[in-house]
Amino acid sequence: MAKPDELIVDIAARVESGQSTQMSLTVVTGGAVITGRLAPEAVWRQRVSEVLTNSARLGEFSAVFDTPVEKGGPPTHLHFHVARILQGTVGIPETGGMYRVAIEDVSAWTVGDFSYSDH
């Protein structure tokens, strides 16, 4: 999007201000479909840091995510947790992952997340 959709910016701002992780969203960005729940950036960073800290090979990178979030202006990114990239009949990864998406790169979106079934 050349100019980010005001509705999605407002959704992101409400997630940030309410510290809620219950808003489900599906977006199309760069041809990929990502579906999952939004998290405030600080919560998202903390979870990524925890995952990296527990990794034998990637622990040194956890400090990058420990930097405090600077507030000011409208949100510029969506922070997904328990999220999947939808491809064919599967979601990758099956257990959900952590994704950061620039709002300006979202070309389409809908409220709610998608899940697959074999039926």
N, C-alpha and C. Protein backbone atom coordinates (compact mmCIF):
# COMPACT_ATOMS: atom_id res chain seq x y z
N MET A 1 0.84 -1.18 0.00
CA MET A 1 0.00 0.00 0.00
C MET A 1 0.89 1.24 0.00
N ALA A 2 0.64 2.13 -0.92
CA ALA A 2 1.40 3.37 -0.93
C ALA A 2 1.13 4.16 0.35
N LYS A 3 -0.13 4.26 0.71
CA LYS A 3 -0.52 4.90 1.96
C LYS A 3 -1.24 3.83 2.77
N PRO A 4 -0.73 3.48 3.94
CA PRO A 4 -1.35 2.40 4.72
C PRO A 4 -2.81 2.67 5.01
N ASP A 5 -3.60 1.62 4.95
CA ASP A 5 -5.03 1.66 5.25
C ASP A 5 -5.23 2.13 6.69
N GLU A 6 -6.01 3.18 6.86
CA GLU A 6 -6.23 3.74 8.19
C GLU A 6 -6.89 2.74 9.14
N LEU A 7 -7.72 1.86 8.63
CA LEU A 7 -8.37 0.87 9.48
C LEU A 7 -7.37 -0.10 10.09
N ILE A 8 -6.45 -0.58 9.28
CA ILE A 8 -5.46 -1.53 9.80
C ILE A 8 -4.48 -0.83 10.75
N VAL A 9 -4.17 0.43 10.48
CA VAL A 9 -3.32 1.19 11.40
C VAL A 9 -4.04 1.35 12.74
N ASP A 10 -5.35 1.63 12.71
CA ASP A 10 -6.13 1.77 13.94
C ASP A 10 -6.19 0.45 14.71
N ILE A 11 -6.36 -0.66 14.00
CA ILE A 11 -6.36 -1.97 14.66
C ILE A 11 -5.02 -2.20 15.36
N ALA A 12 -3.92 -1.93 14.65
CA ALA A 12 -2.59 -2.11 15.24
C ALA A 12 -2.41 -1.20 16.45
N ALA A 13 -2.88 0.03 16.37
CA ALA A 13 -2.75 0.97 17.49
C ALA A 13 -3.54 0.48 18.70
N ARG A 14 -4.71 -0.09 18.48
CA ARG A 14 -5.52 -0.60 19.59
C ARG A 14 -4.87 -1.82 20.23
N VAL A 15 -4.26 -2.65 19.43
CA VAL A 15 -3.54 -3.80 19.99
C VAL A 15 -2.39 -3.29 20.85
N GLU A 16 -1.66 -2.30 20.33
CA GLU A 16 -0.53 -1.74 21.08
C GLU A 16 -0.99 -1.10 22.39
N SER A 17 -2.05 -0.34 22.36
CA SER A 17 -2.48 0.39 23.55
C SER A 17 -3.13 -0.51 24.59
N GLY A 18 -3.80 -1.56 24.12
CA GLY A 18 -4.50 -2.43 25.05
C GLY A 18 -3.68 -3.61 25.52
N GLN A 19 -2.50 -3.78 24.95
CA GLN A 19 -1.64 -4.91 25.29
C GLN A 19 -2.39 -6.24 25.13
N SER A 20 -3.29 -6.30 24.15
CA SER A 20 -4.09 -7.50 23.90
C SER A 20 -3.43 -8.38 22.86
N THR A 21 -3.60 -9.69 23.02
CA THR A 21 -3.08 -10.65 22.04
C THR A 21 -4.22 -11.50 21.49
N GLN A 22 -5.43 -10.95 21.47
CA GLN A 22 -6.59 -11.72 21.05
C GLN A 22 -7.11 -11.37 19.66
N MET A 23 -6.61 -10.30 19.04
CA MET A 23 -7.10 -9.89 17.72
C MET A 23 -6.50 -10.76 16.63
N SER A 24 -7.37 -11.47 15.92
CA SER A 24 -6.94 -12.32 14.82
C SER A 24 -7.06 -11.55 13.51
N LEU A 25 -6.07 -11.75 12.66
CA LEU A 25 -6.02 -11.03 11.40
C LEU A 25 -5.36 -11.91 10.35
N THR A 26 -5.79 -11.75 9.11
CA THR A 26 -5.16 -12.41 7.98
C THR A 26 -4.78 -11.32 6.98
N VAL A 27 -3.52 -11.34 6.53
CA VAL A 27 -3.04 -10.32 5.60
C VAL A 27 -2.40 -10.98 4.38
N VAL A 28 -2.39 -10.23 3.28
CA VAL A 28 -1.65 -10.61 2.09
C VAL A 28 -0.51 -9.60 1.98
N THR A 29 0.70 -10.11 1.92
CA THR A 29 1.87 -9.24 1.81
C THR A 29 2.92 -9.93 0.94
N GLY A 30 3.35 -9.26 -0.08
CA GLY A 30 4.35 -9.82 -0.97
C GLY A 30 3.94 -11.15 -1.57
N GLY A 31 2.65 -11.34 -1.78
CA GLY A 31 2.15 -12.59 -2.35
C GLY A 31 1.92 -13.69 -1.33
N ALA A 32 2.34 -13.49 -0.10
CA ALA A 32 2.13 -14.48 0.95
C ALA A 32 0.88 -14.14 1.74
N VAL A 33 0.20 -15.18 2.21
CA VAL A 33 -0.95 -14.99 3.09
C VAL A 33 -0.51 -15.42 4.49
N ILE A 34 -0.59 -14.48 5.44
CA ILE A 34 -0.21 -14.75 6.82
C ILE A 34 -1.44 -14.58 7.68
N THR A 35 -1.69 -15.57 8.53
CA THR A 35 -2.86 -15.54 9.38
C THR A 35 -2.45 -15.84 10.81
N GLY A 36 -3.04 -15.15 11.76
CA GLY A 36 -2.71 -15.39 13.16
C GLY A 36 -3.23 -14.28 14.05
N ARG A 37 -2.71 -14.23 15.25
CA ARG A 37 -3.12 -13.22 16.22
C ARG A 37 -2.06 -12.13 16.32
N LEU A 38 -2.53 -10.91 16.47
CA LEU A 38 -1.62 -9.78 16.65
C LEU A 38 -1.21 -9.67 18.11
N ALA A 39 -0.01 -9.21 18.32
CA ALA A 39 0.50 -8.96 19.67
C ALA A 39 1.10 -7.57 19.70
N PRO A 40 1.09 -6.91 20.85
CA PRO A 40 1.82 -5.65 20.97
C PRO A 40 3.31 -5.92 20.70
N GLU A 41 3.99 -4.94 20.13
CA GLU A 41 5.39 -5.14 19.78
C GLU A 41 6.24 -5.57 20.97
N ALA A 42 6.01 -4.98 22.14
CA ALA A 42 6.82 -5.33 23.32
C ALA A 42 6.63 -6.79 23.70
N VAL A 43 5.40 -7.29 23.61
CA VAL A 43 5.12 -8.70 23.92
C VAL A 43 5.77 -9.59 22.87
N TRP A 44 5.66 -9.21 21.61
CA TRP A 44 6.24 -9.98 20.52
C TRP A 44 7.76 -10.07 20.68
N ARG A 45 8.40 -8.92 20.96
CA ARG A 45 9.85 -8.91 21.15
C ARG A 45 10.26 -9.82 22.32
N GLN A 46 9.51 -9.77 23.40
CA GLN A 46 9.83 -10.59 24.57
C GLN A 46 9.77 -12.07 24.22
N ARG A 47 8.74 -12.47 23.47
CA ARG A 47 8.61 -13.89 23.10
C ARG A 47 9.71 -14.34 22.16
N VAL A 48 10.06 -13.48 21.19
CA VAL A 48 11.16 -13.82 20.28
C VAL A 48 12.46 -13.93 21.07
N SER A 49 12.69 -13.01 21.98
CA SER A 49 13.90 -13.04 22.81
C SER A 49 13.97 -14.33 23.62
N GLU A 50 12.85 -14.75 24.19
CA GLU A 50 12.82 -15.99 24.97
C GLU A 50 13.18 -17.20 24.12
N VAL A 51 12.64 -17.25 22.91
CA VAL A 51 12.94 -18.37 22.01
C VAL A 51 14.43 -18.38 21.68
N LEU A 52 14.99 -17.22 21.37
CA LEU A 52 16.41 -17.14 21.03
C LEU A 52 17.29 -17.46 22.24
N THR A 53 16.91 -16.99 23.41
CA THR A 53 17.68 -17.26 24.62
C THR A 53 17.79 -18.75 24.87
N ASN A 54 16.73 -19.48 24.58
CA ASN A 54 16.70 -20.92 24.81
C ASN A 54 17.38 -21.73 23.71
N SER A 55 17.89 -21.05 22.70
CA SER A 55 18.57 -21.72 21.59
C SER A 55 20.07 -21.76 21.84
N ALA A 56 20.66 -22.93 21.69
CA ALA A 56 22.11 -23.08 21.88
C ALA A 56 22.90 -22.29 20.84
N ARG A 57 22.38 -22.18 19.63
CA ARG A 57 23.12 -21.50 18.56
C ARG A 57 22.75 -20.04 18.37
N LEU A 58 21.56 -19.64 18.81
CA LEU A 58 21.09 -18.29 18.50
C LEU A 58 20.93 -17.39 19.72
N GLY A 59 21.34 -17.86 20.88
CA GLY A 59 21.16 -17.12 22.12
C GLY A 59 21.73 -15.72 22.09
N GLU A 60 22.85 -15.53 21.40
CA GLU A 60 23.49 -14.22 21.37
C GLU A 60 22.62 -13.15 20.68
N PHE A 61 21.66 -13.57 19.87
CA PHE A 61 20.80 -12.61 19.16
C PHE A 61 19.61 -12.14 20.00
N SER A 62 19.39 -12.76 21.13
CA SER A 62 18.23 -12.40 21.95
C SER A 62 18.30 -10.95 22.42
N ALA A 63 19.49 -10.43 22.63
CA ALA A 63 19.64 -9.05 23.11
C ALA A 63 19.08 -8.03 22.12
N VAL A 64 19.11 -8.35 20.84
CA VAL A 64 18.56 -7.44 19.82
C VAL A 64 17.09 -7.15 20.11
N PHE A 65 16.38 -8.14 20.61
CA PHE A 65 14.94 -8.01 20.84
C PHE A 65 14.61 -7.48 22.23
N ASP A 66 15.63 -7.30 23.08
CA ASP A 66 15.42 -6.77 24.42
C ASP A 66 15.39 -5.24 24.45
N THR A 67 15.68 -4.60 23.33
CA THR A 67 15.67 -3.14 23.25
C THR A 67 14.25 -2.64 23.50
N PRO A 68 14.09 -1.65 24.39
CA PRO A 68 12.75 -1.13 24.66
C PRO A 68 12.10 -0.56 23.39
N VAL A 69 10.80 -0.69 23.31
CA VAL A 69 10.04 -0.19 22.18
C VAL A 69 9.84 1.31 22.35
N GLU A 70 10.20 2.07 21.33
CA GLU A 70 9.99 3.52 21.37
C GLU A 70 8.58 3.83 20.90
N LYS A 71 7.86 4.55 21.71
CA LYS A 71 6.50 4.95 21.35
C LYS A 71 6.55 6.30 20.65
N GLY A 72 5.63 6.52 19.78
CA GLY A 72 5.55 7.79 19.07
C GLY A 72 5.05 7.57 17.67
N GLY A 73 3.95 8.18 17.34
CA GLY A 73 3.39 8.03 16.02
C GLY A 73 2.61 6.73 15.89
N PRO A 74 1.93 6.59 14.77
CA PRO A 74 1.15 5.38 14.56
C PRO A 74 2.05 4.17 14.33
N PRO A 75 1.54 2.97 14.61
CA PRO A 75 2.34 1.76 14.38
C PRO A 75 2.71 1.62 12.90
N THR A 76 3.88 1.06 12.66
CA THR A 76 4.35 0.85 11.29
C THR A 76 4.39 -0.63 10.91
N HIS A 77 4.27 -1.50 11.93
CA HIS A 77 4.35 -2.94 11.69
C HIS A 77 3.25 -3.69 12.45
N LEU A 78 2.89 -4.83 11.91
CA LEU A 78 2.01 -5.77 12.59
C LEU A 78 2.90 -6.84 13.17
N HIS A 79 2.63 -7.26 14.39
CA HIS A 79 3.42 -8.29 15.05
C HIS A 79 2.52 -9.49 15.32
N PHE A 80 2.74 -10.55 14.55
CA PHE A 80 1.93 -11.76 14.64
C PHE A 80 2.59 -12.78 15.55
N HIS A 81 1.79 -13.46 16.34
CA HIS A 81 2.26 -14.63 17.07
C HIS A 81 1.22 -15.71 16.85
N VAL A 82 1.58 -16.94 17.08
CA VAL A 82 0.71 -18.08 16.77
C VAL A 82 0.20 -17.91 15.33
N ALA A 83 1.11 -17.58 14.43
CA ALA A 83 0.75 -17.28 13.05
C ALA A 83 1.30 -18.32 12.09
N ARG A 84 0.65 -18.38 10.93
CA ARG A 84 1.08 -19.33 9.90
C ARG A 84 1.07 -18.64 8.55
N ILE A 85 1.98 -19.06 7.68
CA ILE A 85 1.94 -18.68 6.27
C ILE A 85 1.09 -19.75 5.61
N LEU A 86 0.04 -19.35 4.91
CA LEU A 86 -0.84 -20.32 4.27
C LEU A 86 -0.31 -20.65 2.88
N GLN A 87 -0.18 -21.96 2.64
CA GLN A 87 0.30 -22.41 1.34
C GLN A 87 -0.44 -23.69 1.01
N GLY A 88 -1.19 -23.67 -0.07
CA GLY A 88 -1.96 -24.86 -0.45
C GLY A 88 -2.91 -25.24 0.67
N THR A 89 -2.82 -26.46 1.11
CA THR A 89 -3.73 -26.95 2.15
C THR A 89 -3.08 -27.01 3.52
N VAL A 90 -1.95 -26.32 3.70
CA VAL A 90 -1.27 -26.36 4.99
C VAL A 90 -0.91 -24.95 5.44
N GLY A 91 -0.71 -24.84 6.74
CA GLY A 91 -0.19 -23.62 7.32
C GLY A 91 1.22 -23.90 7.82
N ILE A 92 2.16 -23.01 7.54
CA ILE A 92 3.56 -23.23 7.90
C ILE A 92 3.96 -22.17 8.92
N PRO A 93 4.53 -22.49 10.04
CA PRO A 93 4.63 -23.83 10.62
C PRO A 93 3.30 -24.25 11.23
N GLU A 94 3.11 -25.53 11.41
CA GLU A 94 1.84 -26.04 11.94
C GLU A 94 1.54 -25.49 13.32
N THR A 95 2.58 -25.28 14.13
CA THR A 95 2.38 -24.82 15.50
C THR A 95 2.27 -23.31 15.60
N GLY A 96 2.52 -22.60 14.55
CA GLY A 96 2.45 -21.14 14.58
C GLY A 96 3.81 -20.53 14.82
N GLY A 97 4.03 -19.39 14.22
CA GLY A 97 5.32 -18.72 14.34
C GLY A 97 5.15 -17.26 14.68
N MET A 98 6.27 -16.56 14.67
CA MET A 98 6.31 -15.14 15.00
C MET A 98 6.69 -14.37 13.73
N TYR A 99 5.81 -13.49 13.28
CA TYR A 99 6.07 -12.74 12.06
C TYR A 99 5.88 -11.26 12.29
N ARG A 100 6.73 -10.45 11.65
CA ARG A 100 6.63 -8.99 11.70
C ARG A 100 6.41 -8.53 10.26
N VAL A 101 5.34 -7.79 10.04
CA VAL A 101 4.96 -7.37 8.70
C VAL A 101 4.81 -5.85 8.68
N ALA A 102 5.45 -5.20 7.72
CA ALA A 102 5.29 -3.75 7.56
C ALA A 102 3.87 -3.47 7.08
N ILE A 103 3.18 -2.58 7.76
CA ILE A 103 1.80 -2.25 7.39
C ILE A 103 1.75 -1.73 5.96
N GLU A 104 2.73 -0.97 5.54
CA GLU A 104 2.72 -0.42 4.19
C GLU A 104 2.83 -1.50 3.12
N ASP A 105 3.26 -2.71 3.49
CA ASP A 105 3.39 -3.81 2.53
C ASP A 105 2.15 -4.69 2.45
N VAL A 106 1.14 -4.40 3.27
CA VAL A 106 -0.09 -5.19 3.26
C VAL A 106 -0.96 -4.74 2.09
N SER A 107 -1.27 -5.69 1.19
CA SER A 107 -2.09 -5.34 0.03
C SER A 107 -3.55 -5.71 0.22
N ALA A 108 -3.84 -6.60 1.14
CA ALA A 108 -5.22 -6.99 1.45
C ALA A 108 -5.25 -7.59 2.84
N TRP A 109 -6.40 -7.52 3.52
CA TRP A 109 -6.50 -8.08 4.86
C TRP A 109 -7.96 -8.34 5.21
N THR A 110 -8.15 -9.18 6.20
CA THR A 110 -9.47 -9.44 6.73
C THR A 110 -9.34 -9.77 8.22
N VAL A 111 -10.36 -9.46 8.97
CA VAL A 111 -10.38 -9.79 10.39
C VAL A 111 -10.62 -11.28 10.52
N GLY A 112 -9.90 -11.91 11.42
CA GLY A 112 -10.04 -13.35 11.64
C GLY A 112 -8.86 -14.09 11.08
N ASP A 113 -8.71 -15.34 11.55
CA ASP A 113 -7.63 -16.16 11.01
C ASP A 113 -8.25 -17.37 10.34
N PHE A 114 -7.48 -17.97 9.47
CA PHE A 114 -7.94 -19.14 8.72
C PHE A 114 -7.26 -20.38 9.25
N SER A 115 -7.99 -21.45 9.27
CA SER A 115 -7.39 -22.74 9.60
C SER A 115 -7.93 -23.76 8.61
N TYR A 116 -7.18 -24.80 8.43
CA TYR A 116 -7.54 -25.82 7.46
C TYR A 116 -8.07 -27.05 8.14
N SER A 117 -8.89 -27.77 7.41
CA SER A 117 -9.31 -29.09 7.87
C SER A 117 -9.26 -30.02 6.65
N ASP A 118 -9.25 -31.30 6.91
CA ASP A 118 -9.20 -32.28 5.83
C ASP A 118 -10.57 -32.55 5.22
N HIS A 119 -11.60 -31.89 5.71
CA HIS A 119 -12.97 -32.17 5.25
C HIS A 119 -13.37 -31.25 4.15
